[in-house]
N, C-alpha and C. Protein backbone atom coordinates (compact mmCIF):
# COMPACT_ATOMS: atom_id res chain seq x y z
N MET A 1 0.70 -1.12 -0.08
CA MET A 1 0.30 -0.04 -0.15
C MET A 1 0.80 1.28 -0.04
N PRO A 2 0.91 2.07 -0.96
CA PRO A 2 1.59 3.10 -0.89
C PRO A 2 1.09 4.23 -0.21
N SER A 3 2.22 4.83 0.66
CA SER A 3 1.84 6.22 1.45
C SER A 3 1.52 7.17 0.32
N PRO A 4 0.84 8.56 1.05
CA PRO A 4 0.33 9.66 0.36
C PRO A 4 1.72 10.25 -0.64
N ILE A 5 2.63 10.33 0.11
CA ILE A 5 4.08 10.73 -0.77
C ILE A 5 4.21 9.88 -1.79
N GLU A 6 4.22 8.77 -1.62
CA GLU A 6 4.36 7.79 -2.68
C GLU A 6 3.58 7.75 -3.83
N GLU A 7 2.09 8.00 -3.59
CA GLU A 7 1.05 8.09 -4.71
C GLU A 7 0.97 9.62 -5.18
N ARG A 8 1.53 10.66 -4.46
CA ARG A 8 1.73 11.89 -5.24
C ARG A 8 3.00 11.76 -6.19
N LEU A 9 4.18 11.06 -5.84
CA LEU A 9 5.50 11.19 -6.86
C LEU A 9 4.64 10.40 -7.85
N ALA A 10 4.02 8.92 -7.64
CA ALA A 10 3.56 8.15 -8.85
C ALA A 10 2.76 9.38 -9.82
N ASN A 11 1.73 9.85 -9.13
CA ASN A 11 1.08 10.56 -9.98
C ASN A 11 1.68 11.90 -10.74
N LEU A 12 3.07 12.13 -10.14
CA LEU A 12 3.51 13.38 -10.63
C LEU A 12 4.32 12.46 -11.81
N LEU A 13 5.26 11.55 -11.60
CA LEU A 13 6.08 11.15 -12.64
C LEU A 13 5.76 10.00 -13.75
N GLU A 14 4.47 9.35 -13.25
CA GLU A 14 4.10 8.34 -14.19
C GLU A 14 3.95 8.99 -15.78
N PRO A 15 3.38 9.99 -15.75
CA PRO A 15 3.70 10.45 -17.16
C PRO A 15 4.82 10.69 -17.93
N ALA A 16 5.78 10.98 -17.19
CA ALA A 16 7.19 11.40 -17.81
C ALA A 16 7.77 9.68 -18.09
N ILE A 17 7.43 8.89 -17.24
CA ILE A 17 7.75 7.85 -17.18
C ILE A 17 7.14 7.01 -18.63
N GLU A 18 6.02 6.79 -18.64
CA GLU A 18 5.07 6.23 -19.53
C GLU A 18 5.96 6.97 -20.97
N GLY A 19 5.96 8.21 -21.08
CA GLY A 19 6.22 9.16 -22.10
C GLY A 19 7.74 8.72 -22.76
N LEU A 20 8.62 8.25 -21.96
CA LEU A 20 9.82 7.44 -22.15
C LEU A 20 9.67 5.95 -22.61
N GLY A 21 8.58 5.46 -22.73
CA GLY A 21 8.21 4.02 -22.82
C GLY A 21 8.30 3.04 -21.89
N PHE A 22 8.44 3.33 -20.64
CA PHE A 22 8.46 2.57 -19.59
C PHE A 22 7.13 2.42 -18.66
N ASP A 23 6.96 1.47 -18.04
CA ASP A 23 5.97 1.18 -17.32
C ASP A 23 6.34 1.41 -15.52
N LEU A 24 6.02 2.03 -14.89
CA LEU A 24 6.13 2.45 -13.68
C LEU A 24 5.56 0.93 -12.59
N VAL A 25 6.97 0.44 -12.07
CA VAL A 25 5.94 -0.84 -11.18
C VAL A 25 6.30 -0.34 -9.72
N ARG A 26 7.06 0.54 -9.19
CA ARG A 26 6.47 1.05 -7.63
C ARG A 26 7.76 2.01 -7.40
N ILE A 27 7.10 3.22 -6.58
CA ILE A 27 7.65 4.06 -6.05
C ILE A 27 7.82 3.87 -4.48
N LYS A 28 8.83 4.02 -4.02
CA LYS A 28 9.07 3.95 -2.36
C LYS A 28 10.15 4.80 -2.01
N VAL A 29 9.78 5.59 -0.74
CA VAL A 29 10.16 6.58 -0.25
C VAL A 29 10.82 6.15 1.04
N MET A 30 12.01 5.90 1.60
CA MET A 30 12.71 5.31 2.52
C MET A 30 13.38 6.51 3.13
N GLY A 31 13.57 6.31 4.30
CA GLY A 31 14.44 7.09 5.22
C GLY A 31 13.94 8.52 5.92
N GLY A 32 14.62 9.05 6.34
CA GLY A 32 13.90 10.35 7.18
C GLY A 32 14.21 11.66 6.60
N ASN A 33 15.60 12.59 7.19
CA ASN A 33 15.47 13.67 6.60
C ASN A 33 16.24 13.88 5.94
N ALA A 34 16.74 12.82 5.12
CA ALA A 34 17.12 13.02 3.84
C ALA A 34 16.79 11.60 3.03
N PRO A 35 15.77 11.45 2.75
CA PRO A 35 15.21 10.05 1.88
C PRO A 35 15.48 9.63 0.65
N THR A 36 15.38 8.73 0.27
CA THR A 36 15.72 7.75 -0.87
C THR A 36 14.46 7.79 -1.40
N ILE A 37 14.66 8.28 -2.71
CA ILE A 37 13.45 7.98 -3.58
C ILE A 37 13.61 6.78 -4.77
N GLN A 38 12.72 5.57 -4.31
CA GLN A 38 13.49 4.45 -5.13
C GLN A 38 12.26 4.40 -6.09
N VAL A 39 12.20 4.10 -7.47
CA VAL A 39 11.75 4.16 -8.65
C VAL A 39 12.00 3.04 -9.17
N MET A 40 11.00 2.02 -9.47
CA MET A 40 11.45 0.72 -10.07
C MET A 40 10.41 0.83 -11.31
N ALA A 41 11.09 0.48 -12.42
CA ALA A 41 10.49 0.67 -13.83
C ALA A 41 11.04 -0.40 -14.84
N GLU A 42 10.28 -0.53 -16.02
CA GLU A 42 10.85 -1.45 -16.92
C GLU A 42 9.99 -1.16 -18.39
N LYS A 43 10.65 -1.50 -19.39
CA LYS A 43 9.93 -1.80 -20.40
C LYS A 43 8.85 -2.73 -20.58
N PRO A 44 7.74 -2.26 -21.61
CA PRO A 44 6.45 -3.37 -21.56
C PRO A 44 7.16 -4.68 -21.48
N ASP A 45 8.23 -5.15 -22.31
CA ASP A 45 8.81 -6.26 -22.50
C ASP A 45 9.29 -6.80 -21.18
N ARG A 46 9.40 -6.28 -20.28
CA ARG A 46 9.96 -6.37 -18.67
C ARG A 46 11.64 -6.30 -18.74
N THR A 47 12.11 -5.71 -19.74
CA THR A 47 13.71 -5.25 -19.74
C THR A 47 13.89 -4.23 -19.27
N MET A 48 15.20 -3.98 -18.67
CA MET A 48 15.88 -2.72 -18.20
C MET A 48 16.94 -2.79 -18.01
N THR A 49 17.64 -2.10 -18.74
CA THR A 49 19.26 -1.89 -18.75
C THR A 49 19.59 -0.76 -17.86
N VAL A 50 20.98 -0.62 -17.89
CA VAL A 50 21.83 0.51 -17.21
C VAL A 50 21.32 1.77 -18.18
N LYS A 51 21.39 1.67 -19.20
CA LYS A 51 21.36 2.89 -20.23
C LYS A 51 19.70 3.23 -20.05
N ASN A 52 18.97 2.60 -19.85
CA ASN A 52 17.48 2.75 -19.77
C ASN A 52 17.69 3.55 -18.40
N CYS A 53 18.03 3.02 -17.05
CA CYS A 53 17.81 3.52 -15.64
C CYS A 53 18.64 4.93 -16.00
N VAL A 54 19.75 5.17 -16.60
CA VAL A 54 20.21 6.49 -16.82
C VAL A 54 19.18 7.51 -17.47
N LYS A 55 18.63 7.27 -18.53
CA LYS A 55 17.80 7.89 -19.27
C LYS A 55 16.79 8.24 -18.42
N LEU A 56 16.24 7.33 -17.59
CA LEU A 56 14.97 7.46 -16.67
C LEU A 56 15.41 8.44 -15.44
N SER A 57 16.25 8.27 -15.26
CA SER A 57 16.93 8.98 -13.92
C SER A 57 17.09 10.69 -14.20
N ARG A 58 17.51 10.60 -15.57
CA ARG A 58 18.13 12.22 -15.76
C ARG A 58 16.10 12.50 -16.15
N GLU A 59 15.26 12.18 -16.67
CA GLU A 59 13.90 12.76 -16.83
C GLU A 59 13.36 12.90 -15.28
N ILE A 60 13.38 12.08 -14.80
CA ILE A 60 12.77 12.07 -13.00
C ILE A 60 13.33 13.19 -12.48
N ALA A 61 14.53 13.07 -12.47
CA ALA A 61 15.04 14.29 -11.97
C ALA A 61 14.86 15.86 -12.38
N ALA A 62 14.57 15.69 -13.59
CA ALA A 62 14.33 17.07 -14.11
C ALA A 62 12.97 17.34 -13.52
N VAL A 63 12.27 16.44 -13.56
CA VAL A 63 10.63 16.71 -13.15
C VAL A 63 10.68 16.98 -11.76
N LEU A 64 11.24 16.22 -10.70
CA LEU A 64 11.51 16.50 -9.32
C LEU A 64 12.27 17.80 -9.30
N ASP A 65 12.91 18.55 -10.04
CA ASP A 65 13.57 19.73 -10.10
C ASP A 65 12.64 20.75 -10.08
N VAL A 66 11.50 20.54 -10.94
CA VAL A 66 10.70 21.57 -11.38
C VAL A 66 9.78 21.70 -10.29
N GLU A 67 8.94 20.16 -10.16
CA GLU A 67 7.82 20.43 -9.27
C GLU A 67 8.40 20.47 -7.65
N ASP A 68 9.43 20.06 -7.34
CA ASP A 68 9.90 19.98 -6.00
C ASP A 68 9.17 19.43 -4.79
N PRO A 69 8.84 17.98 -4.99
CA PRO A 69 7.76 17.42 -4.09
C PRO A 69 8.42 17.15 -2.73
N ILE A 70 9.59 17.11 -2.49
CA ILE A 70 10.34 16.62 -1.36
C ILE A 70 11.03 17.77 -0.91
N ALA A 71 10.89 18.22 0.18
CA ALA A 71 11.50 19.58 0.76
C ALA A 71 12.91 19.06 1.24
N GLY A 72 14.07 19.51 0.93
CA GLY A 72 15.19 19.32 1.60
C GLY A 72 16.05 18.31 0.40
N LYS A 73 16.75 17.85 1.02
CA LYS A 73 17.74 16.83 0.16
C LYS A 73 17.12 15.35 0.30
N TYR A 74 17.48 14.76 -0.91
CA TYR A 74 17.13 13.18 -1.12
C TYR A 74 17.76 12.49 -1.98
N THR A 75 17.70 11.52 -2.20
CA THR A 75 18.76 10.49 -3.08
C THR A 75 17.68 10.06 -4.13
N LEU A 76 17.64 9.69 -5.18
CA LEU A 76 16.88 9.42 -6.39
C LEU A 76 17.76 8.18 -6.80
N GLU A 77 17.02 6.67 -6.51
CA GLU A 77 17.48 5.78 -7.10
C GLU A 77 16.70 5.09 -8.19
N VAL A 78 17.00 5.00 -9.34
CA VAL A 78 16.45 4.39 -10.26
C VAL A 78 16.54 3.07 -10.76
N SER A 79 15.89 1.70 -10.68
CA SER A 79 16.21 0.30 -11.09
C SER A 79 15.34 -0.37 -11.73
N SER A 80 15.53 -1.43 -12.09
CA SER A 80 14.43 -2.43 -12.41
C SER A 80 14.06 -3.12 -11.24
N PRO A 81 12.95 -4.03 -11.45
CA PRO A 81 12.55 -4.71 -10.44
C PRO A 81 12.98 -5.63 -9.83
N GLY A 82 13.84 -6.34 -10.87
CA GLY A 82 14.38 -7.52 -10.37
C GLY A 82 13.99 -8.75 -10.71
N ILE A 83 14.50 -9.97 -10.70
CA ILE A 83 13.87 -11.10 -10.75
C ILE A 83 12.92 -11.54 -9.80
N ASP A 84 12.92 -11.54 -8.58
CA ASP A 84 12.14 -11.79 -7.74
C ASP A 84 11.43 -10.25 -7.03
N ARG A 85 10.86 -9.94 -8.08
CA ARG A 85 10.06 -8.38 -8.12
C ARG A 85 8.95 -8.35 -7.17
N PRO A 86 9.00 -7.11 -6.71
CA PRO A 86 7.64 -6.74 -6.07
C PRO A 86 6.33 -7.03 -7.18
N LEU A 87 5.35 -7.28 -6.57
CA LEU A 87 4.34 -7.33 -7.37
C LEU A 87 3.22 -6.23 -6.90
N THR A 88 3.23 -5.36 -7.72
CA THR A 88 2.41 -4.25 -7.10
C THR A 88 1.15 -3.68 -8.18
N ARG A 89 1.13 -4.52 -9.13
CA ARG A 89 -0.29 -4.06 -9.80
C ARG A 89 -0.97 -5.34 -10.04
N LEU A 90 -2.27 -5.20 -10.39
CA LEU A 90 -3.18 -6.31 -10.46
C LEU A 90 -2.73 -7.36 -11.81
N LYS A 91 -1.98 -6.79 -12.94
CA LYS A 91 -1.64 -7.58 -13.84
C LYS A 91 -0.48 -8.24 -13.48
N ASP A 92 0.18 -8.02 -12.31
CA ASP A 92 1.48 -8.79 -12.11
C ASP A 92 0.98 -10.15 -11.66
N PHE A 93 -0.07 -10.26 -10.77
CA PHE A 93 -0.63 -11.21 -10.43
C PHE A 93 -0.91 -12.36 -11.18
N GLU A 94 -1.40 -11.82 -12.39
CA GLU A 94 -1.92 -12.63 -13.63
C GLU A 94 -0.57 -13.03 -14.55
N ASP A 95 0.31 -11.78 -14.74
CA ASP A 95 1.40 -12.26 -15.69
C ASP A 95 2.45 -13.27 -15.02
N PHE A 96 2.35 -13.50 -13.84
CA PHE A 96 3.27 -14.42 -12.93
C PHE A 96 2.78 -15.39 -12.40
N LYS A 97 1.29 -15.92 -13.05
CA LYS A 97 0.69 -17.05 -12.31
C LYS A 97 1.56 -18.09 -12.57
N GLY A 98 1.54 -19.07 -11.78
CA GLY A 98 2.34 -20.34 -11.86
C GLY A 98 3.69 -20.01 -11.01
N PHE A 99 4.10 -19.15 -10.48
CA PHE A 99 5.28 -18.74 -9.77
C PHE A 99 4.97 -18.46 -8.43
N GLU A 100 5.82 -18.71 -7.58
CA GLU A 100 5.85 -18.69 -6.01
C GLU A 100 5.95 -17.02 -5.74
N ALA A 101 5.11 -16.78 -4.71
CA ALA A 101 4.91 -15.59 -4.00
C ALA A 101 4.54 -15.64 -2.64
N LYS A 102 5.36 -14.32 -2.20
CA LYS A 102 4.96 -14.27 -0.53
C LYS A 102 4.00 -13.02 -0.67
N VAL A 103 2.97 -13.03 0.31
CA VAL A 103 1.63 -11.91 -0.01
C VAL A 103 1.22 -11.50 1.65
N GLU A 104 1.52 -10.38 1.77
CA GLU A 104 1.02 -10.00 3.14
C GLU A 104 -0.33 -9.10 2.87
N THR A 105 -1.49 -9.23 3.72
CA THR A 105 -2.48 -8.61 3.60
C THR A 105 -2.60 -7.68 4.49
N THR A 106 -3.53 -6.26 4.45
CA THR A 106 -3.64 -5.69 5.75
C THR A 106 -4.74 -6.07 6.47
N VAL A 107 -5.32 -7.13 6.10
CA VAL A 107 -6.82 -7.54 6.85
C VAL A 107 -6.44 -9.26 6.85
N PRO A 108 -6.87 -9.64 8.21
CA PRO A 108 -6.46 -11.10 8.18
C PRO A 108 -7.46 -12.05 7.53
N ILE A 109 -7.09 -13.05 6.95
CA ILE A 109 -7.81 -13.98 6.27
C ILE A 109 -7.83 -15.28 6.95
N ASP A 110 -8.62 -15.59 7.37
CA ASP A 110 -9.02 -17.04 8.52
C ASP A 110 -7.81 -16.99 9.32
N GLY A 111 -7.72 -15.45 9.99
CA GLY A 111 -6.64 -15.37 11.05
C GLY A 111 -5.48 -15.25 10.47
N GLN A 112 -4.76 -15.20 9.50
CA GLN A 112 -3.75 -15.19 9.01
C GLN A 112 -3.41 -13.74 7.79
N LYS A 113 -2.51 -13.28 8.14
CA LYS A 113 -2.16 -12.25 7.13
C LYS A 113 -0.91 -12.42 6.51
N ARG A 114 0.03 -13.57 6.52
CA ARG A 114 1.01 -13.74 5.74
C ARG A 114 0.99 -14.89 4.84
N PHE A 115 1.16 -14.95 3.42
CA PHE A 115 0.89 -16.17 2.91
C PHE A 115 1.96 -16.49 1.61
N ARG A 116 2.23 -17.59 1.70
CA ARG A 116 3.10 -18.08 0.69
C ARG A 116 2.91 -19.25 -0.28
N GLY A 117 2.76 -19.04 -1.51
CA GLY A 117 2.39 -20.28 -2.19
C GLY A 117 2.25 -19.40 -3.84
N ARG A 118 2.13 -20.79 -4.61
CA ARG A 118 2.10 -20.63 -6.08
C ARG A 118 0.74 -19.54 -6.89
N LEU A 119 1.02 -18.61 -7.27
CA LEU A 119 -0.01 -17.66 -7.55
C LEU A 119 -0.65 -18.42 -8.93
N ILE A 120 -2.28 -18.24 -8.76
CA ILE A 120 -2.91 -19.14 -9.47
C ILE A 120 -3.60 -18.12 -10.95
N GLY A 121 -3.32 -17.03 -10.07
CA GLY A 121 -3.74 -15.94 -11.07
C GLY A 121 -5.17 -14.73 -10.44
N THR A 122 -5.71 -14.17 -11.32
CA THR A 122 -6.41 -13.20 -10.94
C THR A 122 -8.20 -13.63 -11.49
N GLU A 123 -8.96 -12.75 -10.65
CA GLU A 123 -10.60 -13.03 -11.41
C GLU A 123 -10.94 -11.87 -10.90
N GLY A 124 -11.14 -10.93 -11.67
CA GLY A 124 -11.81 -9.55 -11.67
C GLY A 124 -10.62 -8.89 -10.50
N ASP A 125 -11.00 -8.36 -9.46
CA ASP A 125 -9.87 -7.56 -8.56
C ASP A 125 -9.30 -8.37 -7.29
N ARG A 126 -9.55 -10.02 -7.46
CA ARG A 126 -9.43 -11.12 -6.40
C ARG A 126 -8.21 -11.95 -7.14
N ILE A 127 -7.19 -12.08 -6.10
CA ILE A 127 -5.89 -12.62 -6.54
C ILE A 127 -6.23 -13.92 -6.02
N LYS A 128 -5.71 -14.99 -6.49
CA LYS A 128 -5.68 -16.49 -5.88
C LYS A 128 -4.27 -16.91 -5.90
N LEU A 129 -4.36 -17.58 -4.74
CA LEU A 129 -3.02 -18.28 -4.33
C LEU A 129 -3.10 -19.61 -3.82
N MET A 130 -2.19 -20.62 -4.58
CA MET A 130 -2.44 -22.03 -4.11
C MET A 130 -1.07 -21.78 -2.73
N ALA A 131 -1.69 -22.05 -1.37
CA ALA A 131 -0.73 -22.25 -0.45
C ALA A 131 -0.84 -23.63 -0.04
N ASP A 132 0.14 -24.01 1.07
CA ASP A 132 0.20 -24.83 1.78
C ASP A 132 -0.81 -25.65 2.41
N ALA A 133 -1.79 -24.61 3.04
CA ALA A 133 -2.76 -25.16 3.77
C ALA A 133 -3.83 -25.14 2.45
N GLY A 134 -3.73 -24.59 1.40
CA GLY A 134 -5.13 -24.62 0.66
C GLY A 134 -4.95 -23.66 -0.18
N ASP A 135 -6.12 -23.16 -1.26
CA ASP A 135 -6.34 -22.26 -2.19
C ASP A 135 -6.78 -21.00 -0.95
N VAL A 136 -6.17 -19.89 -1.29
CA VAL A 136 -6.51 -18.53 -0.54
C VAL A 136 -7.03 -17.42 -1.87
N GLU A 137 -8.12 -16.86 -1.65
CA GLU A 137 -8.32 -15.75 -2.83
C GLU A 137 -8.14 -14.46 -1.51
N PHE A 138 -7.91 -13.20 -1.93
CA PHE A 138 -7.74 -11.98 -1.28
C PHE A 138 -8.28 -10.80 -2.68
N LEU A 139 -8.70 -9.80 -1.81
CA LEU A 139 -8.81 -8.52 -2.95
C LEU A 139 -7.32 -7.93 -2.98
N PHE A 140 -7.33 -7.55 -4.25
CA PHE A 140 -6.02 -6.83 -4.62
C PHE A 140 -5.87 -5.65 -3.60
N GLU A 141 -7.01 -4.73 -3.32
CA GLU A 141 -6.74 -3.59 -2.47
C GLU A 141 -6.54 -4.32 -1.08
N ASP A 142 -6.58 -5.14 -0.81
CA ASP A 142 -6.10 -5.85 0.82
C ASP A 142 -4.91 -6.08 0.75
N ILE A 143 -3.83 -6.09 -0.25
CA ILE A 143 -2.29 -6.36 -0.11
C ILE A 143 -1.96 -5.33 0.43
N GLU A 144 -0.98 -5.61 1.69
CA GLU A 144 -0.12 -4.89 2.03
C GLU A 144 1.14 -4.51 1.01
N LYS A 145 1.88 -6.27 0.60
CA LYS A 145 2.82 -6.16 -0.08
C LYS A 145 2.69 -7.76 -0.37
N ALA A 146 3.48 -7.70 -1.88
CA ALA A 146 3.79 -8.76 -2.28
C ALA A 146 5.05 -8.85 -3.14
N LYS A 147 5.33 -10.05 -3.49
CA LYS A 147 6.69 -10.14 -4.39
C LYS A 147 7.17 -11.86 -4.72
N LEU A 148 7.51 -12.03 -5.94
CA LEU A 148 7.81 -13.02 -6.33
C LEU A 148 9.39 -13.50 -5.12
N ILE A 149 9.09 -14.94 -5.17
CA ILE A 149 10.15 -15.69 -4.16
C ILE A 149 11.18 -16.25 -5.28
N LEU A 150 12.27 -15.94 -5.04
CA LEU A 150 13.66 -16.48 -6.20
C LEU A 150 13.59 -17.82 -6.22
N THR A 151 13.22 -18.61 -6.91
CA THR A 151 13.43 -19.95 -7.46
C THR A 151 14.03 -20.36 -8.63
N ASP A 152 14.61 -21.73 -8.80
CA ASP A 152 15.36 -22.04 -9.88
C ASP A 152 14.25 -21.92 -11.14
N GLU A 153 13.01 -22.13 -11.00
CA GLU A 153 12.37 -21.77 -12.01
C GLU A 153 11.73 -20.62 -12.53
N LEU A 154 12.04 -19.60 -11.44
CA LEU A 154 11.72 -17.97 -12.10
C LEU A 154 13.10 -17.68 -12.52
N VAL A 155 14.21 -18.09 -11.93
CA VAL A 155 15.36 -17.73 -13.03
C VAL A 155 15.46 -18.07 -13.98
N ALA A 156 15.17 -19.63 -14.56
CA ALA A 156 15.21 -20.15 -15.59
C ALA A 156 14.08 -19.35 -16.66
N ALA A 157 12.85 -19.06 -16.35
CA ALA A 157 12.34 -18.33 -16.93
C ALA A 157 12.25 -16.71 -17.54
N SER A 158 13.08 -16.38 -16.46
CA SER A 158 13.90 -14.87 -16.92
C SER A 158 14.88 -15.13 -17.98
N ILE A 159 15.51 -15.83 -17.80
CA ILE A 159 16.89 -16.36 -18.87
C ILE A 159 16.15 -16.57 -20.00
N LYS A 160 15.34 -17.67 -20.06
CA LYS A 160 14.55 -17.62 -21.48
C LYS A 160 13.54 -16.43 -22.03
N GLY A 161 13.06 -15.75 -20.77
CA GLY A 161 12.60 -14.28 -21.72
C GLY A 161 13.34 -13.43 -22.29
N ARG A 162 14.73 -13.49 -22.11
CA ARG A 162 15.68 -12.53 -22.42
C ARG A 162 16.03 -12.65 -23.98
């Protein structure tokens, strides 16, 4: 669940990011007095090179310099989401079905907030996960955080996708 400043930054930066042909995966603000603004993005084919990061970083820095949404000093970090990427968009849960993931919810489901299992996919705004204790469904809006688990299968699929 993004914080208000993360939502504000996403609304501010997403048009520039998309204008350069990238998809915004996540914006995270970490730290206190001199925070780090972490921007994860990728091309629609899920690639992201160092050259792409530099290009995107320059564009984002220009927007931040003009709009000045963060008072004081901050560090900008632009990166790819990586292989064991965060799952931040509803489409991620469909795109990565069949792979293992960790999901934390904001509300308990059968007394549990943390789940690990194989993504089954989505149905509307519901995510389905095959966990050890059985299949679990939860609303996308109830997800606190989710990410893929680094497995040999995920690494092999990543290499094959290149």
